[in-house]
Amino acid sequence: MKKVVVALGGNALGNNLHEQMEAVKTTSKAIVDLIEEGYEVVLSHGNGPQSGMIQLAMGQLTELDPDKYPEVPLSVCVAMSQTYIGYDLQNALREELLHRGINKPVATVATQVVVDKDDPAFQNPTKPIGRFMSKEEAEKRAAETGIQIMEDAGRGYRQVVASPRPKAIVEEDTIKALIDADQTVIACGGGGIPVTQEANDHLKGAGAVIDKDFCSALLAERIDADMLVILTAVENVAVNFGKPDQKALTDVTVDQMNQYIKEDQFAPGSMLPKVEAGIQFANSKPGRKTLITLLEKAKDGLAGKTGTTIQA
């Protein structure tokens, strides 16, 4: 049985609670298709809109009464988003599995991921979180609250926070034990709850959001997956994107993708981290591959019919 880590993009979850409850029904059908095909699936997911929404809501409470509602750290907001996304996702998966006569348990693991407190990312926030804003609204919020903002791939402005690289998955052994028990596991949600290793075995929450694709690549390495599947809003990675000579990529090597990166073919904060994470996993052990494609094309992509496949 081939083991795959499937990293769900934002389009698989929606942008708010109502959209998410509807989106996970479609998402679950695509994931259970893979399970029916005989794949051992481990799921991860993003949380940019959700963690930003929670942080904004908690911040408004603090503004109302800072003594009663002290500031909630971003790491706690990530933990909240992890569990409520997992709650919706595991219930939708369980329902879809049972409808198809598959009695397979689904479990969400609240996952902490260790980052380096000296990671230079803490000095250069680049990870978009929360909702999209107009330039005027974003600049107003930045002036009022001190947040940092940036344009996100031409879609509007968003808050940005630090995005350090993941170093270790604290609950790795728990995840492996659940996989060995033939459970479908949801782990490393939102890139994991970022923590730093302190003295006396203490794990301290960090004010950051880890990129879910890099964390998914690490997860796939650590559980010895055969394939990393990064699901996004396009069927194929493309070069010369948005230009008359745009070209979809199908089967490409790590060396080819590294050359395209040197040519600045992929947008930072959008396709670039997906490609870099895909390269990282494909390079980690002979025979490993990364597939980047649409959610609804995941089954065809694993069958080699579509998507962009990266291998060494």
C-alpha atoms as a PDB file:
ATOM      1  CA  MET A   1       0.000   0.000   0.000  1.00  0.00           C
ATOM      2  CA  LYS A   2       1.430   3.375  -1.000  1.00  0.00           C
ATOM      3  CA  LYS A   3       1.542   6.001   1.724  1.00  0.00           C
ATOM      4  CA  VAL A   4       0.755   9.583   0.700  1.00  0.00           C
ATOM      5  CA  VAL A   5       0.674  12.847   2.619  1.00  0.00           C
ATOM      6  CA  VAL A   6      -2.004  15.107   1.172  1.00  0.00           C
ATOM      7  CA  ALA A   7      -1.584  18.818   1.935  1.00  0.00           C
ATOM      8  CA  LEU A   8      -4.927  20.562   1.504  1.00  0.00           C
ATOM      9  CA  GLY A   9      -4.908  24.129   0.210  1.00  0.00           C
ATOM     10  CA  GLY A  10      -7.230  26.920   1.299  1.00  0.00           C
ATOM     11  CA  ASN A  11      -9.708  26.167  -1.505  1.00  0.00           C
ATOM     12  CA  ALA A  12     -10.383  22.825   0.197  1.00  0.00           C
ATOM     13  CA  LEU A  13     -11.531  24.556   3.392  1.00  0.00           C
ATOM     14  CA  GLY A  14     -13.252  27.830   2.485  1.00  0.00           C
ATOM     15  CA  ASN A  15     -12.700  31.187   4.172  1.00  0.00           C
ATOM     16  CA  ASN A  16     -15.139  31.083   7.084  1.00  0.00           C
ATOM     17  CA  LEU A  17     -17.036  28.598   9.240  1.00  0.00           C
ATOM     18  CA  HIS A  18     -20.039  28.225   6.926  1.00  0.00           C
ATOM     19  CA  GLU A  19     -17.886  27.861   3.794  1.00  0.00           C
ATOM     20  CA  GLN A  20     -15.664  25.361   5.592  1.00  0.00           C
ATOM     21  CA  MET A  21     -18.556  23.106   6.628  1.00  0.00           C
ATOM     22  CA  GLU A  22     -19.635  22.942   2.977  1.00  0.00           C
ATOM     23  CA  ALA A  23     -16.120  22.684   1.504  1.00  0.00           C
ATOM     24  CA  VAL A  24     -15.063  19.706   3.641  1.00  0.00           C
ATOM     25  CA  LYS A  25     -17.908  17.631   2.179  1.00  0.00           C
ATOM     26  CA  THR A  26     -16.417  17.985  -1.317  1.00  0.00           C
ATOM     27  CA  THR A  27     -12.899  17.593   0.038  1.00  0.00           C
ATOM     28  CA  SER A  28     -13.810  14.370   1.834  1.00  0.00           C
ATOM     29  CA  LYS A  29     -15.198  12.795  -1.341  1.00  0.00           C
ATOM     30  CA  ALA A  30     -11.866  13.407  -3.123  1.00  0.00           C
ATOM     31  CA  ILE A  31      -9.852  12.039  -0.184  1.00  0.00           C
ATOM     32  CA  VAL A  32     -12.006   8.920   0.231  1.00  0.00           C
ATOM     33  CA  ASP A  33     -11.595   8.300  -3.516  1.00  0.00           C
ATOM     34  CA  LEU A  34      -7.867   7.902  -2.785  1.00  0.00           C
ATOM     35  CA  ILE A  35      -8.519   5.600   0.173  1.00  0.00           C
ATOM     36  CA  GLU A  36     -10.777   3.455  -2.027  1.00  0.00           C
ATOM     37  CA  GLU A  37      -7.946   3.261  -4.562  1.00  0.00           C
ATOM     38  CA  GLY A  38      -5.801   1.655  -1.864  1.00  0.00           C
ATOM     39  CA  TYR A  39      -3.694   4.618  -0.747  1.00  0.00           C
ATOM     40  CA  GLU A  40      -2.795   5.105   2.895  1.00  0.00           C
ATOM     41  CA  VAL A  41      -3.627   8.798   3.329  1.00  0.00           C
ATOM     42  CA  VAL A  42      -2.323  11.219   5.946  1.00  0.00           C
ATOM     43  CA  LEU A  43      -3.800  14.717   5.765  1.00  0.00           C
ATOM     44  CA  SER A  44      -2.410  18.134   6.546  1.00  0.00           C
ATOM     45  CA  HIS A  45      -4.009  21.488   5.791  1.00  0.00           C
ATOM     46  CA  GLY A  46      -3.556  25.235   5.747  1.00  0.00           C
ATOM     47  CA  ASN A  47      -5.105  27.683   8.201  1.00  0.00           C
ATOM     48  CA  GLY A  48      -4.254  31.188   6.980  1.00  0.00           C
ATOM     49  CA  PRO A  49      -7.792  32.624   6.902  1.00  0.00           C
ATOM     50  CA  GLN A  50      -8.854  30.725  10.026  1.00  0.00           C
ATOM     51  CA  SER A  51      -5.920  31.642  12.298  1.00  0.00           C
ATOM     52  CA  GLY A  52      -6.157  35.248  11.152  1.00  0.00           C
ATOM     53  CA  MET A  53      -9.894  35.304  11.884  1.00  0.00           C
ATOM     54  CA  ILE A  54      -9.340  33.905  15.383  1.00  0.00           C
ATOM     55  CA  GLN A  55      -6.514  36.349  16.083  1.00  0.00           C
ATOM     56  CA  LEU A  56      -8.680  39.274  14.956  1.00  0.00           C
ATOM     57  CA  ALA A  57     -11.617  38.151  17.126  1.00  0.00           C
ATOM     58  CA  MET A  58      -9.397  37.642  20.173  1.00  0.00           C
ATOM     59  CA  GLY A  59      -7.757  41.014  19.586  1.00  0.00           C
ATOM     60  CA  GLN A  60     -11.147  42.741  19.606  1.00  0.00           C
ATOM     61  CA  LEU A  61     -11.937  41.177  22.982  1.00  0.00           C
ATOM     62  CA  THR A  62      -8.620  42.416  24.338  1.00  0.00           C
ATOM     63  CA  GLU A  63      -9.391  45.933  23.099  1.00  0.00           C
ATOM     64  CA  LEU A  64     -12.749  45.828  24.907  1.00  0.00           C
ATOM     65  CA  ASP A  65     -11.334  44.765  28.265  1.00  0.00           C
ATOM     66  CA  PRO A  66      -7.586  43.973  28.424  1.00  0.00           C
ATOM     67  CA  ASP A  67      -7.781  43.011  32.104  1.00  0.00           C
ATOM     68  CA  LYS A  68     -10.560  40.482  31.570  1.00  0.00           C
ATOM     69  CA  TYR A  69      -9.357  39.303  28.150  1.00  0.00           C
ATOM     70  CA  PRO A  70      -5.541  39.421  28.002  1.00  0.00           C
ATOM     71  CA  GLU A  71      -3.861  39.131  24.604  1.00  0.00           C
ATOM     72  CA  VAL A  72      -3.968  35.624  23.100  1.00  0.00           C
ATOM     73  CA  PRO A  73      -0.646  34.523  21.531  1.00  0.00           C
ATOM     74  CA  LEU A  74      -0.638  33.658  17.830  1.00  0.00           C
ATOM     75  CA  SER A  75       0.498  30.102  18.663  1.00  0.00           C
ATOM     76  CA  VAL A  76      -2.730  29.605  20.645  1.00  0.00           C
ATOM     77  CA  CYS A  77      -4.765  30.955  17.699  1.00  0.00           C
ATOM     78  CA  VAL A  78      -3.027  28.386  15.478  1.00  0.00           C
ATOM     79  CA  ALA A  79      -3.910  25.641  17.982  1.00  0.00           C
ATOM     80  CA  MET A  80      -7.556  26.742  17.974  1.00  0.00           C
ATOM     81  CA  SER A  81      -7.678  26.735  14.175  1.00  0.00           C
ATOM     82  CA  GLN A  82      -6.036  23.302  14.050  1.00  0.00           C
ATOM     83  CA  THR A  83      -8.667  21.689  16.232  1.00  0.00           C
ATOM     84  CA  TYR A  84     -11.773  23.316  14.774  1.00  0.00           C
ATOM     85  CA  ILE A  85     -10.658  22.575  11.192  1.00  0.00           C
ATOM     86  CA  GLY A  86      -9.797  19.034  12.249  1.00  0.00           C
ATOM     87  CA  TYR A  87     -13.205  18.671  13.893  1.00  0.00           C
ATOM     88  CA  ASP A  88     -15.057  19.540  10.668  1.00  0.00           C
ATOM     89  CA  LEU A  89     -12.691  17.569   8.446  1.00  0.00           C
ATOM     90  CA  GLN A  90     -12.627  14.359  10.469  1.00  0.00           C
ATOM     91  CA  ASN A  91     -16.422  14.292  10.800  1.00  0.00           C
ATOM     92  CA  ALA A  92     -16.901  14.825   7.058  1.00  0.00           C
ATOM     93  CA  LEU A  93     -14.339  12.095   6.287  1.00  0.00           C
ATOM     94  CA  ARG A  94     -15.912   9.672   8.765  1.00  0.00           C
ATOM     95  CA  GLU A  95     -19.354  10.248   7.238  1.00  0.00           C
ATOM     96  CA  GLU A  96     -18.091   9.756   3.677  1.00  0.00           C
ATOM     97  CA  LEU A  97     -16.191   6.591   4.634  1.00  0.00           C
ATOM     98  CA  LEU A  98     -19.237   5.063   6.340  1.00  0.00           C
ATOM     99  CA  HIS A  99     -21.466   5.973   3.376  1.00  0.00           C
ATOM    100  CA  ARG A 100     -19.147   3.893   1.202  1.00  0.00           C
ATOM    101  CA  GLY A 101     -19.100   0.992   3.646  1.00  0.00           C
ATOM    102  CA  ILE A 102     -15.567   1.656   4.881  1.00  0.00           C
ATOM    103  CA  ASN A 103     -15.196   1.348   8.658  1.00  0.00           C
ATOM    104  CA  LYS A 104     -11.955   3.289   9.100  1.00  0.00           C
ATOM    105  CA  PRO A 105     -11.397   5.613  12.084  1.00  0.00           C
ATOM    106  CA  VAL A 106     -10.284   9.208  11.540  1.00  0.00           C
ATOM    107  CA  ALA A 107      -8.287  11.142  14.133  1.00  0.00           C
ATOM    108  CA  THR A 108      -6.946  14.692  14.402  1.00  0.00           C
ATOM    109  CA  VAL A 109      -3.666  15.183  16.237  1.00  0.00           C
ATOM    110  CA  ALA A 110      -3.036  18.605  17.794  1.00  0.00           C
ATOM    111  CA  THR A 111       0.511  18.871  16.494  1.00  0.00           C
ATOM    112  CA  GLN A 112       3.366  21.014  17.794  1.00  0.00           C
ATOM    113  CA  VAL A 113       6.258  21.732  15.453  1.00  0.00           C
ATOM    114  CA  VAL A 114       9.647  22.905  16.672  1.00  0.00           C
ATOM    115  CA  VAL A 115      11.221  25.958  15.041  1.00  0.00           C
ATOM    116  CA  ASP A 116      14.567  27.668  15.656  1.00  0.00           C
ATOM    117  CA  LYS A 117      14.154  30.779  17.814  1.00  0.00           C
ATOM    118  CA  ASP A 118      17.048  32.328  15.834  1.00  0.00           C
ATOM    119  CA  ASP A 119      15.432  31.636  12.436  1.00  0.00           C
ATOM    120  CA  PRO A 120      15.898  34.821  10.347  1.00  0.00           C
ATOM    121  CA  ALA A 121      12.212  34.596   9.371  1.00  0.00           C
ATOM    122  CA  PHE A 122      11.359  36.214  12.703  1.00  0.00           C
ATOM    123  CA  GLN A 123      13.057  39.391  11.450  1.00  0.00           C
ATOM    124  CA  ASN A 124      11.330  39.255   8.050  1.00  0.00           C
ATOM    125  CA  PRO A 125       7.603  38.379   8.244  1.00  0.00           C
ATOM    126  CA  THR A 126       6.312  37.008   4.922  1.00  0.00           C
ATOM    127  CA  LYS A 127       3.441  34.606   5.707  1.00  0.00           C
ATOM    128  CA  PRO A 128      -0.026  36.007   4.851  1.00  0.00           C
ATOM    129  CA  ILE A 129      -2.800  35.277   7.346  1.00  0.00           C
ATOM    130  CA  GLY A 130      -6.388  36.428   7.757  1.00  0.00           C
ATOM    131  CA  ARG A 131      -8.720  37.966   5.232  1.00  0.00           C
ATOM    132  CA  PHE A 132      -7.914  40.021   2.140  1.00  0.00           C
ATOM    133  CA  MET A 133      -8.160  43.811   2.454  1.00  0.00           C
ATOM    134  CA  SER A 134      -7.970  46.783   0.144  1.00  0.00           C
ATOM    135  CA  LYS A 135      -4.747  48.777   0.241  1.00  0.00           C
ATOM    136  CA  GLU A 136      -6.486  51.594   2.108  1.00  0.00           C
ATOM    137  CA  GLU A 137      -7.996  49.305   4.768  1.00  0.00           C
ATOM    138  CA  ALA A 138      -4.726  47.405   5.225  1.00  0.00           C
ATOM    139  CA  GLU A 139      -2.720  50.594   5.688  1.00  0.00           C
ATOM    140  CA  LYS A 140      -5.297  51.880   8.192  1.00  0.00           C
ATOM    141  CA  ARG A 141      -5.140  48.651  10.232  1.00  0.00           C
ATOM    142  CA  ALA A 142      -1.352  48.663  10.141  1.00  0.00           C
ATOM    143  CA  ALA A 143      -1.277  52.242  11.447  1.00  0.00           C
ATOM    144  CA  GLU A 144      -3.792  51.437  14.201  1.00  0.00           C
ATOM    145  CA  THR A 145      -2.475  48.064  15.371  1.00  0.00           C
ATOM    146  CA  GLY A 146       1.159  47.881  14.275  1.00  0.00           C
ATOM    147  CA  ILE A 147       0.655  44.768  12.152  1.00  0.00           C
ATOM    148  CA  GLN A 148       2.766  44.273   9.040  1.00  0.00           C
ATOM    149  CA  ILE A 149       1.025  43.987   5.676  1.00  0.00           C
ATOM    150  CA  MET A 150       1.849  43.018   2.108  1.00  0.00           C
ATOM    151  CA  GLU A 151       0.124  42.400  -1.206  1.00  0.00           C
ATOM    152  CA  ASP A 152      -0.703  38.722  -1.661  1.00  0.00           C
ATOM    153  CA  ALA A 153      -0.232  37.552  -5.264  1.00  0.00           C
ATOM    154  CA  GLY A 154      -2.332  40.364  -6.724  1.00  0.00           C
ATOM    155  CA  ARG A 155      -5.430  39.326  -4.756  1.00  0.00           C
ATOM    156  CA  GLY A 156      -5.369  42.121  -2.179  1.00  0.00           C
ATOM    157  CA  TYR A 157      -3.506  42.970   1.025  1.00  0.00           C
ATOM    158  CA  ARG A 158      -3.155  40.777   4.091  1.00  0.00           C
ATOM    159  CA  GLN A 159      -1.382  40.753   7.415  1.00  0.00           C
ATOM    160  CA  VAL A 160       1.974  38.965   7.335  1.00  0.00           C
ATOM    161  CA  VAL A 161       3.717  37.154  10.180  1.00  0.00           C
ATOM    162  CA  ALA A 162       6.967  35.226  10.562  1.00  0.00           C
ATOM    163  CA  SER A 163       7.191  31.851   8.815  1.00  0.00           C
ATOM    164  CA  PRO A 164      10.173  29.918  10.219  1.00  0.00           C
ATOM    165  CA  ARG A 165      11.148  26.531   8.782  1.00  0.00           C
ATOM    166  CA  PRO A 166       9.929  23.444  10.671  1.00  0.00           C
ATOM    167  CA  LYS A 167      12.676  21.436  12.383  1.00  0.00           C
ATOM    168  CA  ALA A 168      10.893  18.599  14.214  1.00  0.00           C
ATOM    169  CA  ILE A 169       7.367  17.280  14.813  1.00  0.00           C
ATOM    170  CA  VAL A 170       6.774  16.804  18.547  1.00  0.00           C
ATOM    171  CA  GLU A 171       3.893  14.319  18.168  1.00  0.00           C
ATOM    172  CA  GLU A 172       5.658  12.273  15.453  1.00  0.00           C
ATOM    173  CA  ASP A 173       5.466   8.990  17.380  1.00  0.00           C
ATOM    174  CA  THR A 174       1.745   9.485  18.080  1.00  0.00           C
ATOM    175  CA  ILE A 175       1.069  10.077  14.386  1.00  0.00           C
ATOM    176  CA  LYS A 176       3.033   6.947  13.436  1.00  0.00           C
ATOM    177  CA  ALA A 177       1.156   4.846  16.028  1.00  0.00           C
ATOM    178  CA  LEU A 178      -2.220   5.955  14.616  1.00  0.00           C
ATOM    179  CA  ILE A 179      -1.086   5.180  11.052  1.00  0.00           C
ATOM    180  CA  ASP A 180       0.080   1.730  12.198  1.00  0.00           C
ATOM    181  CA  ALA A 181      -3.387   1.243  13.744  1.00  0.00           C
ATOM    182  CA  ASP A 182      -4.922   1.791  10.263  1.00  0.00           C
ATOM    183  CA  GLN A 183      -6.433   5.178  11.101  1.00  0.00           C
ATOM    184  CA  THR A 184      -6.712   8.112   8.721  1.00  0.00           C
ATOM    185  CA  VAL A 185      -4.720  10.835  10.444  1.00  0.00           C
ATOM    186  CA  ILE A 186      -5.073  14.625  10.198  1.00  0.00           C
ATOM    187  CA  ALA A 187      -1.863  16.191  11.515  1.00  0.00           C
ATOM    188  CA  CYS A 188       0.359  19.285  11.299  1.00  0.00           C
ATOM    189  CA  GLY A 189      -2.689  21.458  10.586  1.00  0.00           C
ATOM    190  CA  GLY A 190      -1.750  24.964   9.554  1.00  0.00           C
ATOM    191  CA  GLY A 191       1.909  23.957   9.521  1.00  0.00           C
ATOM    192  CA  GLY A 192       1.697  22.891  13.145  1.00  0.00           C
ATOM    193  CA  ILE A 193       1.623  24.902  16.371  1.00  0.00           C
ATOM    194  CA  PRO A 194       5.003  26.676  16.302  1.00  0.00           C
ATOM    195  CA  VAL A 195       7.102  26.104  19.425  1.00  0.00           C
ATOM    196  CA  THR A 196      10.710  26.655  20.438  1.00  0.00           C
ATOM    197  CA  GLN A 197      12.684  24.254  22.609  1.00  0.00           C
ATOM    198  CA  GLU A 198      13.532  25.904  25.935  1.00  0.00           C
ATOM    199  CA  ALA A 199      15.423  24.765  29.031  1.00  0.00           C
ATOM    200  CA  ASN A 200      14.045  21.964  31.232  1.00  0.00           C
ATOM    201  CA  ASP A 201      12.224  20.332  28.297  1.00  0.00           C
ATOM    202  CA  HIS A 202       9.798  23.261  28.034  1.00  0.00           C
ATOM    203  CA  LEU A 203       8.142  24.018  24.686  1.00  0.00           C
ATOM    204  CA  LYS A 204       7.286  27.696  24.255  1.00  0.00           C
ATOM    205  CA  GLY A 205       4.750  28.937  21.712  1.00  0.00           C
ATOM    206  CA  ALA A 206       6.205  31.153  18.986  1.00  0.00           C
ATOM    207  CA  GLY A 207       4.524  34.150  17.312  1.00  0.00           C
ATOM    208  CA  ALA A 208       4.543  32.654  13.834  1.00  0.00           C
ATOM    209  CA  VAL A 209       2.692  30.538  11.277  1.00  0.00           C
ATOM    210  CA  ILE A 210       4.722  27.734   9.699  1.00  0.00           C
ATOM    211  CA  ASP A 211       4.181  27.176   5.987  1.00  0.00           C
ATOM    212  CA  LYS A 212       1.957  24.109   5.715  1.00  0.00           C
ATOM    213  CA  ASP A 213       3.713  22.807   2.596  1.00  0.00           C
ATOM    214  CA  PHE A 214       7.163  22.767   4.224  1.00  0.00           C
ATOM    215  CA  CYS A 215       5.680  21.110   7.296  1.00  0.00           C
ATOM    216  CA  SER A 216       3.855  18.583   5.105  1.00  0.00           C
ATOM    217  CA  ALA A 217       7.151  17.769   3.370  1.00  0.00           C
ATOM    218  CA  LEU A 218       8.784  17.177   6.764  1.00  0.00           C
ATOM    219  CA  LEU A 219       5.825  15.057   7.894  1.00  0.00           C
ATOM    220  CA  ALA A 220       6.020  12.996   4.698  1.00  0.00           C
ATOM    221  CA  GLU A 221       9.744  12.430   5.263  1.00  0.00           C
ATOM    222  CA  ARG A 222       9.334  11.437   8.904  1.00  0.00           C
ATOM    223  CA  ILE A 223       6.558   8.877   8.276  1.00  0.00           C
ATOM    224  CA  ASP A 224       8.403   7.515   5.207  1.00  0.00           C
ATOM    225  CA  ALA A 225       5.671   8.388   2.706  1.00  0.00           C
ATOM    226  CA  ASP A 226       6.011   7.434  -0.943  1.00  0.00           C
ATOM    227  CA  MET A 227       4.479  10.645  -2.222  1.00  0.00           C
ATOM    228  CA  LEU A 228       3.656  14.183  -1.148  1.00  0.00           C
ATOM    229  CA  VAL A 229       0.502  15.580  -2.756  1.00  0.00           C
ATOM    230  CA  ILE A 230       0.132  19.355  -2.568  1.00  0.00           C
ATOM    231  CA  LEU A 231      -3.373  20.419  -3.537  1.00  0.00           C
ATOM    232  CA  THR A 232      -3.836  23.985  -4.702  1.00  0.00           C
ATOM    233  CA  ALA A 233      -5.992  26.189  -6.959  1.00  0.00           C
ATOM    234  CA  VAL A 234      -4.440  25.127 -10.294  1.00  0.00           C
ATOM    235  CA  GLU A 235      -4.210  21.803 -12.129  1.00  0.00           C
ATOM    236  CA  ASN A 236      -0.534  22.247 -13.034  1.00  0.00           C
ATOM    237  CA  VAL A 237       2.382  24.390 -12.000  1.00  0.00           C
ATOM    238  CA  ALA A 238       3.175  26.725 -14.897  1.00  0.00           C
ATOM    239  CA  VAL A 239       6.082  28.806 -16.129  1.00  0.00           C
ATOM    240  CA  ASN A 240       5.509  32.255 -17.656  1.00  0.00           C
ATOM    241  CA  PHE A 241       2.298  32.267 -15.632  1.00  0.00           C
ATOM    242  CA  GLY A 242      -0.319  34.711 -16.897  1.00  0.00           C
ATOM    243  CA  LYS A 243       1.617  35.465 -20.094  1.00  0.00           C
ATOM    244  CA  PRO A 244       0.803  34.489 -23.701  1.00  0.00           C
ATOM    245  CA  ASP A 245       3.536  31.824 -23.630  1.00  0.00           C
ATOM    246  CA  GLN A 246       2.370  30.246 -20.346  1.00  0.00           C
ATOM    247  CA  LYS A 247       3.369  26.580 -20.222  1.00  0.00           C
ATOM    248  CA  ALA A 248       1.983  23.904 -17.917  1.00  0.00           C
ATOM    249  CA  LEU A 249       4.561  21.585 -16.360  1.00  0.00           C
ATOM    250  CA  THR A 250       3.852  17.850 -16.161  1.00  0.00           C
ATOM    251  CA  ASP A 251       6.780  15.560 -15.325  1.00  0.00           C
ATOM    252  CA  VAL A 252       9.779  17.584 -14.189  1.00  0.00           C
ATOM    253  CA  THR A 253      13.032  16.939 -12.363  1.00  0.00           C
ATOM    254  CA  VAL A 254      14.333  18.651  -9.255  1.00  0.00           C
ATOM    255  CA  ASP A 255      17.111  20.221 -11.350  1.00  0.00           C
ATOM    256  CA  GLN A 256      14.587  21.666 -13.806  1.00  0.00           C
ATOM    257  CA  MET A 257      12.516  23.151 -11.001  1.00  0.00           C
ATOM    258  CA  ASN A 258      15.597  24.651  -9.345  1.00  0.00           C
ATOM    259  CA  GLN A 259      16.428  26.339 -12.648  1.00  0.00           C
ATOM    260  CA  TYR A 260      12.912  27.767 -12.885  1.00  0.00           C
ATOM    261  CA  ILE A 261      13.280  29.106  -9.335  1.00  0.00           C
ATOM    262  CA  LYS A 262      16.484  30.881 -10.380  1.00  0.00           C
ATOM    263  CA  GLU A 263      14.480  32.456 -13.211  1.00  0.00           C
ATOM    264  CA  ASP A 264      11.892  33.760 -10.675  1.00  0.00           C
ATOM    265  CA  GLN A 265       9.116  31.775 -12.342  1.00  0.00           C
ATOM    266  CA  PHE A 266       7.110  31.196  -9.148  1.00  0.00           C
ATOM    267  CA  ALA A 267       5.442  33.832  -6.973  1.00  0.00           C
ATOM    268  CA  PRO A 268       6.786  34.126  -3.406  1.00  0.00           C
ATOM    269  CA  GLY A 269       4.101  33.400  -0.837  1.00  0.00           C
ATOM    270  CA  SER A 270       2.043  31.560  -3.455  1.00  0.00           C
ATOM    271  CA  MET A 271       3.498  28.866  -5.751  1.00  0.00           C
ATOM    272  CA  LEU A 272       7.166  29.208  -4.724  1.00  0.00           C
ATOM    273  CA  PRO A 273       6.867  27.541  -1.272  1.00  0.00           C
ATOM    274  CA  LYS A 274       4.853  24.684  -2.790  1.00  0.00           C
ATOM    275  CA  VAL A 275       7.571  24.065  -5.370  1.00  0.00           C
ATOM    276  CA  GLU A 276      10.356  24.364  -2.784  1.00  0.00           C
ATOM    277  CA  ALA A 277       8.577  21.956  -0.423  1.00  0.00           C
ATOM    278  CA  GLY A 278       8.007  19.568  -3.332  1.00  0.00           C
ATOM    279  CA  ILE A 279      11.704  19.659  -4.191  1.00  0.00           C
ATOM    280  CA  GLN A 280      12.654  19.083  -0.554  1.00  0.00           C
ATOM    281  CA  PHE A 281      10.569  15.904  -0.345  1.00  0.00           C
ATOM    282  CA  ALA A 282      11.547  14.564  -3.780  1.00  0.00           C
ATOM    283  CA  ASN A 283      15.206  15.008  -2.830  1.00  0.00           C
ATOM    284  CA  SER A 284      14.886  13.367   0.582  1.00  0.00           C
ATOM    285  CA  LYS A 285      15.097   9.722  -0.566  1.00  0.00           C
ATOM    286  CA  PRO A 286      15.390   7.889  -3.902  1.00  0.00           C
ATOM    287  CA  GLY A 287      12.016   7.107  -5.470  1.00  0.00           C
ATOM    288  CA  ARG A 288      10.043   9.791  -3.667  1.00  0.00           C
ATOM    289  CA  LYS A 289       7.799  12.087  -5.726  1.00  0.00           C
ATOM    290  CA  THR A 290       5.741  15.214  -5.223  1.00  0.00           C
ATOM    291  CA  LEU A 291       2.468  15.902  -7.055  1.00  0.00           C
ATOM    292  CA  ILE A 292       1.020  19.428  -7.264  1.00  0.00           C
ATOM    293  CA  THR A 293      -2.521  19.698  -8.632  1.00  0.00           C
ATOM    294  CA  LEU A 294      -6.185  20.513  -7.979  1.00  0.00           C
ATOM    295  CA  LEU A 295      -8.164  18.756  -5.235  1.00  0.00           C
ATOM    296  CA  GLU A 296     -10.605  17.241  -7.732  1.00  0.00           C
ATOM    297  CA  LYS A 297      -7.704  16.015  -9.876  1.00  0.00           C
ATOM    298  CA  ALA A 298      -5.817  14.250  -7.065  1.00  0.00           C
ATOM    299  CA  LYS A 299      -6.942  10.757  -8.104  1.00  0.00           C
ATOM    300  CA  ASP A 300      -6.015  11.343 -11.768  1.00  0.00           C
ATOM    301  CA  GLY A 301      -2.751  12.971 -10.705  1.00  0.00           C
ATOM    302  CA  LEU A 302      -1.697   9.949  -8.648  1.00  0.00           C
ATOM    303  CA  ALA A 303      -2.550   7.811 -11.687  1.00  0.00           C
ATOM    304  CA  GLY A 304      -0.144   9.933 -13.758  1.00  0.00           C
ATOM    305  CA  LYS A 305      -2.876  11.507 -15.900  1.00  0.00           C
ATOM    306  CA  THR A 306      -2.497  15.152 -14.855  1.00  0.00           C
ATOM    307  CA  GLY A 307      -0.811  17.561 -12.440  1.00  0.00           C
ATOM    308  CA  THR A 308       2.846  18.416 -12.021  1.00  0.00           C
ATOM    309  CA  THR A 309       5.068  15.612 -10.734  1.00  0.00           C
ATOM    310  CA  ILE A 310       8.512  16.415  -9.335  1.00  0.00           C
ATOM    311  CA  GLN A 311      11.188  13.766  -8.858  1.00  0.00           C
ATOM    312  CA  ALA A 312      14.976  13.712  -8.520  1.00  0.00           C
END
